[in-house]
Structures are given as structure tokens and as C-alpha cells.
């Protein structure tokens, strides 16, 4: 799969609230950071736990890609996220580093 296809598959799992399928696309030693470089989560297991909690806390959470930019193994998504129907969505940026068929890094900001 191409980097864009891997990130798209991750988005599909995210919108299905399938934390295990989502985390399986990350490398064992993946690192999730904010845009200041602060580590938010480390490792596939940590990412799975983080998103399982998010999905439990926000059972109607959905994200849509407004724009995707792909340059080699870097995929940048401008996303619009809705936590609950009827509430205002918010914009987020996710930048993924994809190497050897897995997401090795993810930087998030909103």
C-alpha cells in the first residue's frame, strides 16, 4: 500500500471506532506528538489505548478529510472533526510519517 492508502485505512478505522485496527497500522515504536514536539503517546499499544478511550468518551466522533497532501512518505491531512452531531466541528491537522508500510510518526494539532 502507498502511504496515502495506509493513512486512509487508518482514517476508516478511526471513523469505525476500531482502535485495534487503527493501531495495527502503526509501528510498534510509533511516536505521536504535538507540533511543539511534545510526546503525546508512544508505541502501538499506547495508541490503541488512547483511541479506545477517545471512542468510548465520544461514541459519535467522526473525522473527514478536507485536504490531503502527500509527499513521499509524509501525509498531511486537514481534518474536520465532529464529536457529537449538532455541535460545531473543529479543524485539526495530522501529519503522518509512513515507512516500510507502517505509520511510524504522527503529529497532531488543532
Protein backbone atom coordinates (compact mmCIF):
# COMPACT_ATOMS: atom_id res chain seq x y z
CA UNK A 1 0.00 0.00 0.00
CA UNK A 2 1.08 3.55 -0.64
CA UNK A 3 1.49 5.98 2.29
CA UNK A 4 -1.80 7.67 1.32
CA UNK A 5 -3.61 4.31 1.28
CA UNK A 6 -2.26 3.42 4.73
CA UNK A 7 -3.38 6.76 6.17
CA UNK A 8 -6.79 6.39 4.51
CA UNK A 9 -7.16 2.92 6.02
CA UNK A 10 -6.29 4.45 9.42
CA UNK A 11 -9.00 7.10 8.91
CA UNK A 12 -11.58 4.43 8.02
CA UNK A 13 -10.71 2.52 11.22
CA UNK A 14 -10.88 5.80 13.20
CA UNK A 15 -14.36 6.56 11.88
CA UNK A 16 -15.43 2.96 12.60
CA UNK A 17 -14.12 3.43 16.17
CA UNK A 18 -11.91 0.38 15.73
CA UNK A 19 -8.92 1.25 17.91
CA UNK A 20 -7.28 -2.15 17.33
CA UNK A 21 -7.46 -1.90 13.52
CA UNK A 22 -6.25 1.68 13.67
CA UNK A 23 -3.33 0.89 15.95
CA UNK A 24 -2.33 -2.10 13.81
CA UNK A 25 -1.32 0.37 11.08
CA UNK A 26 1.28 1.93 13.40
CA UNK A 27 4.74 0.51 14.03
CA UNK A 28 5.46 -0.99 17.46
CA UNK A 29 7.63 2.03 18.30
CA UNK A 30 5.48 4.75 16.67
CA UNK A 31 5.54 8.16 18.32
CA UNK A 32 2.62 10.59 18.46
CA UNK A 33 3.50 14.23 19.18
CA UNK A 34 2.01 17.68 19.14
CA UNK A 35 3.50 20.29 16.81
CA UNK A 36 5.86 21.51 19.52
CA UNK A 37 7.45 18.05 19.65
CA UNK A 38 5.89 17.05 22.96
CA UNK A 39 5.26 13.30 23.03
CA UNK A 40 1.55 12.55 23.42
CA UNK A 41 1.78 8.78 23.08
CA UNK A 42 4.45 6.21 22.40
CA UNK A 43 4.05 2.76 20.85
CA UNK A 44 1.27 0.83 19.15
CA UNK A 45 -0.25 -0.34 22.45
CA UNK A 46 -0.38 3.20 23.83
CA UNK A 47 -2.01 4.48 20.65
CA UNK A 48 -4.61 1.70 20.79
CA UNK A 49 -5.41 2.54 24.45
CA UNK A 50 -5.60 6.28 23.74
CA UNK A 51 -8.05 5.86 20.88
CA UNK A 52 -10.16 3.23 22.64
CA UNK A 53 -10.70 5.82 25.40
CA UNK A 54 -11.45 8.60 22.90
CA UNK A 55 -14.04 6.42 21.14
CA UNK A 56 -15.63 5.44 24.47
CA UNK A 57 -15.77 9.09 25.57
CA UNK A 58 -17.09 10.32 22.19
CA UNK A 59 -19.16 7.49 20.66
CA UNK A 60 -20.32 9.60 17.70
CA UNK A 61 -16.91 11.08 16.88
CA UNK A 62 -16.18 11.32 13.13
CA UNK A 63 -13.47 12.93 11.02
CA UNK A 64 -13.48 13.89 7.38
CA UNK A 65 -10.51 14.92 5.28
CA UNK A 66 -10.82 18.45 3.96
CA UNK A 67 -7.49 18.27 2.15
CA UNK A 68 -4.70 15.72 1.92
CA UNK A 69 -1.15 16.42 0.79
CA UNK A 70 1.26 13.57 0.11
CA UNK A 71 5.00 13.97 -0.41
CA UNK A 72 6.85 10.68 -0.49
CA UNK A 73 6.32 9.06 2.93
CA UNK A 74 4.72 12.14 4.52
CA UNK A 75 0.95 12.50 4.51
CA UNK A 76 -0.67 15.69 5.85
CA UNK A 77 -4.42 15.76 6.47
CA UNK A 78 -6.52 18.82 7.23
CA UNK A 79 -9.44 17.20 9.00
CA UNK A 80 -12.82 18.40 10.21
CA UNK A 81 -13.82 16.52 13.35
CA UNK A 82 -17.32 16.28 14.80
CA UNK A 83 -17.54 14.95 18.35
CA UNK A 84 -21.35 14.95 18.63
CA UNK A 85 -23.97 15.60 15.94
CA UNK A 86 -25.44 19.06 16.38
CA UNK A 87 -22.26 20.54 17.85
CA UNK A 88 -19.79 22.64 15.91
CA UNK A 89 -16.99 20.65 14.31
CA UNK A 90 -13.36 21.66 14.78
CA UNK A 91 -10.42 21.63 12.39
CA UNK A 92 -7.33 19.55 13.06
CA UNK A 93 -4.08 18.82 11.27
CA UNK A 94 -2.48 15.38 11.33
CA UNK A 95 0.92 14.75 9.77
CA UNK A 96 1.86 11.09 9.35
CA UNK A 97 5.26 9.62 8.61
CA UNK A 98 4.94 6.29 6.82
CA UNK A 99 7.91 3.94 6.49
CA UNK A 100 8.01 0.32 5.34
CA UNK A 101 4.22 0.09 5.20
CA UNK A 102 3.54 1.40 8.73
CA UNK A 103 2.88 4.74 10.36
CA UNK A 104 5.98 5.50 12.41
CA UNK A 105 5.10 9.02 13.47
CA UNK A 106 2.05 11.22 13.83
CA UNK A 107 1.99 14.90 14.76
CA UNK A 108 -1.34 16.42 15.78
CA UNK A 109 -2.58 19.95 16.17
CA UNK A 110 -5.77 21.96 16.25
